[in-house]
PDB file of N, CA and C in Angstrom:
ATOM      1  N   MET A   1      44.277 -16.697 143.986  1.00  0.00           N
ATOM      2  CA  MET A   1      42.970 -16.543 143.398  1.00  0.00           C
ATOM      3  C   MET A   1      42.658 -15.053 143.312  1.00  0.00           C
ATOM      4  N   ALA A   2      42.111 -14.626 142.207  1.00  0.00           N
ATOM      5  CA  ALA A   2      41.782 -13.208 142.004  1.00  0.00           C
ATOM      6  C   ALA A   2      40.592 -12.811 142.863  1.00  0.00           C
ATOM      7  N   THR A   3      40.627 -11.558 143.326  1.00  0.00           N
ATOM      8  CA  THR A   3      39.481 -11.064 144.077  1.00  0.00           C
ATOM      9  C   THR A   3      38.372 -10.720 143.098  1.00  0.00           C
ATOM     10  N   LYS A   4      37.145 -10.865 143.543  1.00  0.00           N
ATOM     11  CA  LYS A   4      35.995 -10.595 142.702  1.00  0.00           C
ATOM     12  C   LYS A   4      35.435  -9.234 143.069  1.00  0.00           C
ATOM     13  N   THR A   5      35.395  -8.339 142.118  1.00  0.00           N
ATOM     14  CA  THR A   5      34.898  -6.997 142.354  1.00  0.00           C
ATOM     15  C   THR A   5      33.758  -6.721 141.394  1.00  0.00           C
ATOM     16  N   ILE A   6      32.619  -6.361 141.937  1.00  0.00           N
ATOM     17  CA  ILE A   6      31.461  -6.012 141.128  1.00  0.00           C
ATOM     18  C   ILE A   6      31.058  -4.593 141.495  1.00  0.00           C
ATOM     19  N   ALA A   7      31.016  -3.710 140.517  1.00  0.00           N
ATOM     20  CA  ALA A   7      30.563  -2.339 140.766  1.00  0.00           C
ATOM     21  C   ALA A   7      29.051  -2.337 140.759  1.00  0.00           C
ATOM     22  N   ARG A   8      28.457  -1.724 141.765  1.00  0.00           N
ATOM     23  CA  ARG A   8      27.005  -1.634 141.826  1.00  0.00           C
ATOM     24  C   ARG A   8      26.633  -0.402 142.622  1.00  0.00           C
ATOM     25  N   PRO A   9      25.453   0.140 142.350  1.00  0.00           N
ATOM     26  CA  PRO A   9      25.030   1.304 143.113  1.00  0.00           C
ATOM     27  C   PRO A   9      24.736   0.920 144.546  1.00  0.00           C
ATOM     28  N   THR A  10      24.937   1.858 145.452  1.00  0.00           N
ATOM     29  CA  THR A  10      24.612   1.585 146.836  1.00  0.00           C
ATOM     30  C   THR A  10      23.106   1.597 147.008  1.00  0.00           C
ATOM     31  N   THR A  11      22.617   0.758 147.890  1.00  0.00           N
ATOM     32  CA  THR A  11      21.187   0.694 148.148  1.00  0.00           C
ATOM     33  C   THR A  11      20.949   0.970 149.618  1.00  0.00           C
ATOM     34  N   PRO A  12      19.844   1.636 149.943  1.00  0.00           N
ATOM     35  CA  PRO A  12      19.566   1.907 151.343  1.00  0.00           C
ATOM     36  C   PRO A  12      19.243   0.623 152.097  1.00  0.00           C
ATOM     37  N   VAL A  13      19.576   0.609 153.360  1.00  0.00           N
ATOM     38  CA  VAL A  13      19.264  -0.546 154.200  1.00  0.00           C
ATOM     39  C   VAL A  13      17.784  -0.504 154.510  1.00  0.00           C
ATOM     40  N   ALA A  14      17.120  -1.638 154.352  1.00  0.00           N
ATOM     41  CA  ALA A  14      15.680  -1.702 154.607  1.00  0.00           C
ATOM     42  C   ALA A  14      15.411  -1.639 156.098  1.00  0.00           C
ATOM     43  N   SER A  15      14.470  -0.792 156.469  1.00  0.00           N
ATOM     44  CA  SER A  15      14.047  -0.746 157.865  1.00  0.00           C
ATOM     45  C   SER A  15      12.874  -1.700 158.033  1.00  0.00           C
ATOM     46  N   GLU A  16      12.471  -1.922 159.261  1.00  0.00           N
ATOM     47  CA  GLU A  16      11.340  -2.811 159.491  1.00  0.00           C
ATOM     48  C   GLU A  16      10.064  -2.254 158.881  1.00  0.00           C
ATOM     49  N   ASP A  17       9.972  -0.923 158.751  1.00  0.00           N
ATOM     50  CA  ASP A  17       8.777  -0.302 158.191  1.00  0.00           C
ATOM     51  C   ASP A  17       8.628  -0.569 156.698  1.00  0.00           C
ATOM     52  N   ASN A  18       9.748  -0.635 155.970  1.00  0.00           N
ATOM     53  CA  ASN A  18       9.659  -0.826 154.519  1.00  0.00           C
ATOM     54  C   ASN A  18      10.323  -2.128 154.070  1.00  0.00           C
ATOM     55  N   ALA A  19      10.557  -3.057 154.969  1.00  0.00           N
ATOM     56  CA  ALA A  19      11.186  -4.328 154.627  1.00  0.00           C
ATOM     57  C   ALA A  19      10.241  -5.132 153.732  1.00  0.00           C
ATOM     58  N   GLN A  20      10.818  -5.787 152.721  1.00  0.00           N
ATOM     59  CA  GLN A  20      10.028  -6.592 151.814  1.00  0.00           C
ATOM     60  C   GLN A  20       9.751  -7.960 152.405  1.00  0.00           C
ATOM     61  N   ASP A  21       8.672  -8.548 151.951  1.00  0.00           N
ATOM     62  CA  ASP A  21       8.328  -9.911 152.308  1.00  0.00           C
ATOM     63  C   ASP A  21       9.405 -10.840 151.738  1.00  0.00           C
ATOM     64  N   PRO A  22       9.791 -11.890 152.461  1.00  0.00           N
ATOM     65  CA  PRO A  22      10.817 -12.804 151.935  1.00  0.00           C
ATOM     66  C   PRO A  22      10.468 -13.379 150.566  1.00  0.00           C
ATOM     67  N   ALA A  23       9.189 -13.636 150.309  1.00  0.00           N
ATOM     68  CA  ALA A  23       8.801 -14.168 148.998  1.00  0.00           C
ATOM     69  C   ALA A  23       9.044 -13.141 147.901  1.00  0.00           C
ATOM     70  N   ASP A  24       8.801 -11.849 148.191  1.00  0.00           N
ATOM     71  CA  ASP A  24       9.066 -10.790 147.214  1.00  0.00           C
ATOM     72  C   ASP A  24      10.563 -10.669 146.952  1.00  0.00           C
ATOM     73  N   LEU A  25      11.363 -10.757 148.019  1.00  0.00           N
ATOM     74  CA  LEU A  25      12.816 -10.701 147.856  1.00  0.00           C
ATOM     75  C   LEU A  25      13.312 -11.881 147.020  1.00  0.00           C
ATOM     76  N   LEU A  26      12.741 -13.051 147.257  1.00  0.00           N
ATOM     77  CA  LEU A  26      13.111 -14.238 146.488  1.00  0.00           C
ATOM     78  C   LEU A  26      12.768 -14.043 145.017  1.00  0.00           C
ATOM     79  N   GLU A  27      11.574 -13.532 144.738  1.00  0.00           N
ATOM     80  CA  GLU A  27      11.171 -13.315 143.356  1.00  0.00           C
ATOM     81  C   GLU A  27      12.104 -12.331 142.656  1.00  0.00           C
ATOM     82  N   SER A  28      12.468 -11.249 143.340  1.00  0.00           N
ATOM     83  CA  SER A  28      13.389 -10.257 142.764  1.00  0.00           C
ATOM     84  C   SER A  28      14.750 -10.868 142.490  1.00  0.00           C
ATOM     85  N   THR A  29      15.261 -11.632 143.445  1.00  0.00           N
ATOM     86  CA  THR A  29      16.571 -12.253 143.293  1.00  0.00           C
ATOM     87  C   THR A  29      16.575 -13.234 142.134  1.00  0.00           C
ATOM     88  N   LEU A  30      15.516 -14.023 142.000  1.00  0.00           N
ATOM     89  CA  LEU A  30      15.450 -14.983 140.901  1.00  0.00           C
ATOM     90  C   LEU A  30      15.336 -14.272 139.550  1.00  0.00           C
ATOM     91  N   SER A  31      14.647 -13.144 139.505  1.00  0.00           N
ATOM     92  CA  SER A  31      14.560 -12.366 138.266  1.00  0.00           C
ATOM     93  C   SER A  31      15.920 -11.826 137.872  1.00  0.00           C
ATOM     94  N   GLN A  32      16.673 -11.333 138.845  1.00  0.00           N
ATOM     95  CA  GLN A  32      18.016 -10.833 138.567  1.00  0.00           C
ATOM     96  C   GLN A  32      18.916 -11.958 138.080  1.00  0.00           C
ATOM     97  N   LEU A  33      18.803 -13.117 138.686  1.00  0.00           N
ATOM     98  CA  LEU A  33      19.609 -14.269 138.282  1.00  0.00           C
ATOM     99  C   LEU A  33      19.290 -14.666 136.850  1.00  0.00           C
ATOM    100  N   GLU A  34      18.020 -14.679 136.502  1.00  0.00           N
ATOM    101  CA  GLU A  34      17.633 -15.024 135.136  1.00  0.00           C
ATOM    102  C   GLU A  34      18.229 -14.032 134.138  1.00  0.00           C
ATOM    103  N   ALA A  35      18.179 -12.733 134.473  1.00  0.00           N
ATOM    104  CA  ALA A  35      18.744 -11.716 133.588  1.00  0.00           C
ATOM    105  C   ALA A  35      20.242 -11.908 133.405  1.00  0.00           C
ATOM    106  N   LEU A  36      20.935 -12.199 134.468  1.00  0.00           N
ATOM    107  CA  LEU A  36      22.384 -12.417 134.365  1.00  0.00           C
ATOM    108  C   LEU A  36      22.712 -13.624 133.492  1.00  0.00           C
ATOM    109  N   LEU A  37      21.934 -14.675 133.618  1.00  0.00           N
ATOM    110  CA  LEU A  37      22.198 -15.864 132.813  1.00  0.00           C
ATOM    111  C   LEU A  37      21.924 -15.599 131.334  1.00  0.00           C
ATOM    112  N   TRP A  38      20.947 -14.751 131.025  1.00  0.00           N
ATOM    113  CA  TRP A  38      20.719 -14.367 129.638  1.00  0.00           C
ATOM    114  C   TRP A  38      21.924 -13.612 129.095  1.00  0.00           C
ATOM    115  N   VAL A  39      22.518 -12.736 129.901  1.00  0.00           N
ATOM    116  CA  VAL A  39      23.701 -11.987 129.472  1.00  0.00           C
ATOM    117  C   VAL A  39      24.830 -12.959 129.142  1.00  0.00           C
ATOM    118  N   CYS A  40      24.970 -14.001 129.925  1.00  0.00           N
ATOM    119  CA  CYS A  40      26.038 -14.974 129.695  1.00  0.00           C
ATOM    120  C   CYS A  40      25.878 -15.679 128.345  1.00  0.00           C
ATOM    121  N   HIS A  41      24.675 -15.735 127.821  1.00  0.00           N
ATOM    122  CA  HIS A  41      24.415 -16.408 126.557  1.00  0.00           C
ATOM    123  C   HIS A  41      24.326 -15.413 125.402  1.00  0.00           C
ATOM    124  N   GLY A  42      24.594 -14.138 125.671  1.00  0.00           N
ATOM    125  CA  GLY A  42      24.433 -13.081 124.667  1.00  0.00           C
ATOM    126  C   GLY A  42      25.287 -13.292 123.427  1.00  0.00           C
ATOM    127  N   GLU A  43      24.774 -12.812 122.308  1.00  0.00           N
ATOM    128  CA  GLU A  43      25.499 -12.911 121.043  1.00  0.00           C
ATOM    129  C   GLU A  43      26.411 -11.708 120.862  1.00  0.00           C
ATOM    130  N   GLY A  44      27.513 -11.898 120.181  1.00  0.00           N
ATOM    131  CA  GLY A  44      28.423 -10.807 119.879  1.00  0.00           C
ATOM    132  C   GLY A  44      29.357 -10.444 121.022  1.00  0.00           C
ATOM    133  N   ILE A  45      29.309 -11.155 122.116  1.00  0.00           N
ATOM    134  CA  ILE A  45      30.186 -10.883 123.248  1.00  0.00           C
ATOM    135  C   ILE A  45      31.325 -11.893 123.195  1.00  0.00           C
ATOM    136  N   ASP A  46      32.549 -11.406 123.167  1.00  0.00           N
ATOM    137  CA  ASP A  46      33.715 -12.295 123.126  1.00  0.00           C
ATOM    138  C   ASP A  46      34.120 -12.633 124.561  1.00  0.00           C
ATOM    139  N   TRP A  47      33.633 -13.741 125.043  1.00  0.00           N
ATOM    140  CA  TRP A  47      33.904 -14.152 126.421  1.00  0.00           C
ATOM    141  C   TRP A  47      35.260 -14.852 126.559  1.00  0.00           C
ATOM    142  N   HIS A  48      35.972 -15.055 125.439  1.00  0.00           N
ATOM    143  CA  HIS A  48      37.218 -15.826 125.481  1.00  0.00           C
ATOM    144  C   HIS A  48      38.491 -14.990 125.341  1.00  0.00           C
ATOM    145  N   HIS A  49      38.362 -13.717 124.974  1.00  0.00           N
ATOM    146  CA  HIS A  49      39.540 -12.884 124.754  1.00  0.00           C
ATOM    147  C   HIS A  49      39.355 -11.524 125.412  1.00  0.00           C
ATOM    148  N   GLY A  50      40.460 -10.827 125.606  1.00  0.00           N
ATOM    149  CA  GLY A  50      40.408  -9.486 126.191  1.00  0.00           C
ATOM    150  C   GLY A  50      39.838  -9.504 127.601  1.00  0.00           C
ATOM    151  N   GLU A  51      38.896  -8.620 127.846  1.00  0.00           N
ATOM    152  CA  GLU A  51      38.247  -8.527 129.157  1.00  0.00           C
ATOM    153  C   GLU A  51      37.192  -9.608 129.360  1.00  0.00           C
ATOM    154  N   GLY A  52      36.839 -10.309 128.316  1.00  0.00           N
ATOM    155  CA  GLY A  52      35.767 -11.300 128.377  1.00  0.00           C
ATOM    156  C   GLY A  52      35.885 -12.325 129.489  1.00  0.00           C
ATOM    157  N   PRO A  53      37.047 -13.017 129.610  1.00  0.00           N
ATOM    158  CA  PRO A  53      37.147 -14.035 130.652  1.00  0.00           C
ATOM    159  C   PRO A  53      36.958 -13.482 132.066  1.00  0.00           C
ATOM    160  N   ARG A  54      37.506 -12.298 132.331  1.00  0.00           N
ATOM    161  CA  ARG A  54      37.351 -11.721 133.668  1.00  0.00           C
ATOM    162  C   ARG A  54      35.893 -11.334 133.920  1.00  0.00           C
ATOM    163  N   GLN A  55      35.256 -10.728 132.906  1.00  0.00           N
ATOM    164  CA  GLN A  55      33.860 -10.353 133.059  1.00  0.00           C
ATOM    165  C   GLN A  55      32.971 -11.581 133.220  1.00  0.00           C
ATOM    166  N   LEU A  56      33.250 -12.625 132.483  1.00  0.00           N
ATOM    167  CA  LEU A  56      32.479 -13.859 132.608  1.00  0.00           C
ATOM    168  C   LEU A  56      32.644 -14.455 133.995  1.00  0.00           C
ATOM    169  N   ASP A  57      33.876 -14.445 134.497  1.00  0.00           N
ATOM    170  CA  ASP A  57      34.125 -14.948 135.846  1.00  0.00           C
ATOM    171  C   ASP A  57      33.299 -14.171 136.871  1.00  0.00           C
ATOM    172  N   ASN A  58      33.261 -12.849 136.723  1.00  0.00           N
ATOM    173  CA  ASN A  58      32.486 -12.023 137.644  1.00  0.00           C
ATOM    174  C   ASN A  58      30.990 -12.301 137.533  1.00  0.00           C
ATOM    175  N   LEU A  59      30.498 -12.456 136.317  1.00  0.00           N
ATOM    176  CA  LEU A  59      29.074 -12.744 136.139  1.00  0.00           C
ATOM    177  C   LEU A  59      28.691 -14.097 136.742  1.00  0.00           C
ATOM    178  N   LEU A  60      29.521 -15.094 136.522  1.00  0.00           N
ATOM    179  CA  LEU A  60      29.215 -16.416 137.068  1.00  0.00           C
ATOM    180  C   LEU A  60      29.328 -16.425 138.589  1.00  0.00           C
ATOM    181  N   TRP A  61      30.302 -15.689 139.134  1.00  0.00           N
ATOM    182  CA  TRP A  61      30.421 -15.570 140.587  1.00  0.00           C
ATOM    183  C   TRP A  61      29.177 -14.897 141.167  1.00  0.00           C
ATOM    184  N   LEU A  62      28.722 -13.817 140.521  1.00  0.00           N
ATOM    185  CA  LEU A  62      27.536 -13.120 140.993  1.00  0.00           C
ATOM    186  C   LEU A  62      26.301 -14.012 140.903  1.00  0.00           C
ATOM    187  N   ALA A  63      26.167 -14.750 139.813  1.00  0.00           N
ATOM    188  CA  ALA A  63      25.029 -15.663 139.666  1.00  0.00           C
ATOM    189  C   ALA A  63      25.053 -16.731 140.757  1.00  0.00           C
ATOM    190  N   ALA A  64      26.227 -17.272 141.059  1.00  0.00           N
ATOM    191  CA  ALA A  64      26.326 -18.283 142.116  1.00  0.00           C
ATOM    192  C   ALA A  64      25.987 -17.686 143.475  1.00  0.00           C
ATOM    193  N   ASP A  65      26.449 -16.467 143.731  1.00  0.00           N
ATOM    194  CA  ASP A  65      26.146 -15.792 144.986  1.00  0.00           C
ATOM    195  C   ASP A  65      24.648 -15.520 145.107  1.00  0.00           C
ATOM    196  N   MET A  66      24.040 -15.082 144.004  1.00  0.00           N
ATOM    197  CA  MET A  66      22.602 -14.821 144.017  1.00  0.00           C
ATOM    198  C   MET A  66      21.810 -16.108 144.213  1.00  0.00           C
ATOM    199  N   ALA A  67      22.252 -17.197 143.621  1.00  0.00           N
ATOM    200  CA  ALA A  67      21.569 -18.473 143.806  1.00  0.00           C
ATOM    201  C   ALA A  67      21.639 -18.918 145.270  1.00  0.00           C
ATOM    202  N   ARG A  68      22.785 -18.680 145.909  1.00  0.00           N
ATOM    203  CA  ARG A  68      22.921 -19.007 147.322  1.00  0.00           C
ATOM    204  C   ARG A  68      21.955 -18.171 148.161  1.00  0.00           C
ATOM    205  N   LYS A  69      21.915 -16.868 147.867  1.00  0.00           N
ATOM    206  CA  LYS A  69      21.013 -15.982 148.600  1.00  0.00           C
ATOM    207  C   LYS A  69      19.554 -16.348 148.357  1.00  0.00           C
ATOM    208  N   ALA A  70      19.214 -16.727 147.129  1.00  0.00           N
ATOM    209  CA  ALA A  70      17.843 -17.136 146.823  1.00  0.00           C
ATOM    210  C   ALA A  70      17.462 -18.382 147.620  1.00  0.00           C
ATOM    211  N   GLY A  71      18.385 -19.306 147.765  1.00  0.00           N
ATOM    212  CA  GLY A  71      18.125 -20.496 148.587  1.00  0.00           C
ATOM    213  C   GLY A  71      17.882 -20.130 150.037  1.00  0.00           C
ATOM    214  N   GLU A  72      18.663 -19.182 150.551  1.00  0.00           N
ATOM    215  CA  GLU A  72      18.459 -18.724 151.923  1.00  0.00           C
ATOM    216  C   GLU A  72      17.108 -18.037 152.080  1.00  0.00           C
ATOM    217  N   LEU A  73      16.745 -17.194 151.108  1.00  0.00           N
ATOM    218  CA  LEU A  73      15.453 -16.517 151.151  1.00  0.00           C
ATOM    219  C   LEU A  73      14.299 -17.511 151.073  1.00  0.00           C
ATOM    220  N   PHE A  74      14.473 -18.558 150.281  1.00  0.00           N
ATOM    221  CA  PHE A  74      13.446 -19.585 150.192  1.00  0.00           C
ATOM    222  C   PHE A  74      13.241 -20.246 151.550  1.00  0.00           C
ATOM    223  N   GLN A  75      14.329 -20.549 152.241  1.00  0.00           N
ATOM    224  CA  GLN A  75      14.223 -21.167 153.556  1.00  0.00           C
ATOM    225  C   GLN A  75      13.491 -20.248 154.536  1.00  0.00           C
ATOM    226  N   VAL A  76      13.814 -18.955 154.516  1.00  0.00           N
ATOM    227  CA  VAL A  76      13.142 -17.983 155.387  1.00  0.00           C
ATOM    228  C   VAL A  76      11.657 -17.915 155.040  1.00  0.00           C
ATOM    229  N   SER A  77      11.356 -17.884 153.747  1.00  0.00           N
ATOM    230  CA  SER A  77       9.984 -17.807 153.285  1.00  0.00           C
ATOM    231  C   SER A  77       9.189 -19.038 153.718  1.00  0.00           C
ATOM    232  N   GLU A  78       9.776 -20.194 153.567  1.00  0.00           N
ATOM    233  CA  GLU A  78       9.095 -21.432 153.960  1.00  0.00           C
ATOM    234  C   GLU A  78       8.881 -21.498 155.472  1.00  0.00           C
ATOM    235  N   THR A  79       9.878 -21.053 156.230  1.00  0.00           N
ATOM    236  CA  THR A  79       9.746 -21.044 157.687  1.00  0.00           C
ATOM    237  C   THR A  79       8.600 -20.122 158.099  1.00  0.00           C
ATOM    238  N   ALA A  80       8.530 -18.948 157.480  1.00  0.00           N
ATOM    239  CA  ALA A  80       7.460 -17.996 157.775  1.00  0.00           C
ATOM    240  C   ALA A  80       6.101 -18.553 157.366  1.00  0.00           C
ATOM    241  N   ARG A  81       6.053 -19.207 156.215  1.00  0.00           N
ATOM    242  CA  ARG A  81       4.790 -19.769 155.727  1.00  0.00           C
ATOM    243  C   ARG A  81       4.285 -20.856 156.666  1.00  0.00           C
ATOM    244  N   ARG A  82       5.183 -21.692 157.130  1.00  0.00           N
ATOM    245  CA  ARG A  82       4.792 -22.784 158.025  1.00  0.00           C
ATOM    246  C   ARG A  82       4.381 -22.271 159.399  1.00  0.00           C
ATOM    247  N   ALA A  83       4.985 -21.149 159.826  1.00  0.00           N
ATOM    248  CA  ALA A  83       4.677 -20.595 161.135  1.00  0.00           C
ATOM    249  C   ALA A  83       3.384 -19.787 161.121  1.00  0.00           C
ATOM    250  N   ALA A  84       2.954 -19.336 159.929  1.00  0.00           N
ATOM    251  CA  ALA A  84       1.741 -18.498 159.845  1.00  0.00           C
ATOM    252  C   ALA A  84       0.517 -19.369 160.091  1.00  0.00           C
ATOM    253  N   PRO A  85      -0.444 -18.836 160.852  1.00  0.00           N
ATOM    254  CA  PRO A  85      -1.674 -19.610 161.080  1.00  0.00           C
ATOM    255  C   PRO A  85      -2.433 -19.766 159.776  1.00  0.00           C
ATOM    256  N   GLU A  86      -2.998 -20.948 159.584  1.00  0.00           N
ATOM    257  CA  GLU A  86      -3.766 -21.205 158.379  1.00  0.00           C
ATOM    258  C   GLU A  86      -5.097 -20.479 158.450  1.00  0.00           C
ATOM    259  N   THR A  87      -5.489 -19.929 157.300  1.00  0.00           N
ATOM    260  CA  THR A  87      -6.782 -19.279 157.254  1.00  0.00           C
ATOM    261  C   THR A  87      -7.771 -20.217 156.581  1.00  0.00           C
ATOM    262  N   GLY A  88      -8.767 -20.582 157.300  1.00  0.00           N
ATOM    263  CA  GLY A  88      -9.786 -21.492 156.761  1.00  0.00           C
ATOM    264  C   GLY A  88     -10.655 -20.778 155.743  1.00  0.00           C
ATOM    265  N   GLY A  89     -10.988 -21.459 154.657  1.00  0.00           N
ATOM    266  CA  GLY A  89     -11.711 -20.762 153.633  1.00  0.00           C
ATOM    267  C   GLY A  89     -12.907 -21.448 153.207  1.00  0.00           C
TER     268      GLY A  89
END
């Protein structure tokens, strides 16, 4: 099986001071996933010849990985939401 390599810029590790809320991370991840899926449906891209099949494989692998991470973030978000005290209104 071929190794999957995705080039991406390095990002700083979030500290507790600037860590995002799990719901914000989930929203960002889902937005990225939506953008990737739009690319997969793009016109004028030959996904069947040349570099196309390898690039498509990488995009689908990344989308699947992001979907897995989004599911994990959702679980964290729900756990936090359930643990938070309810505010009466």
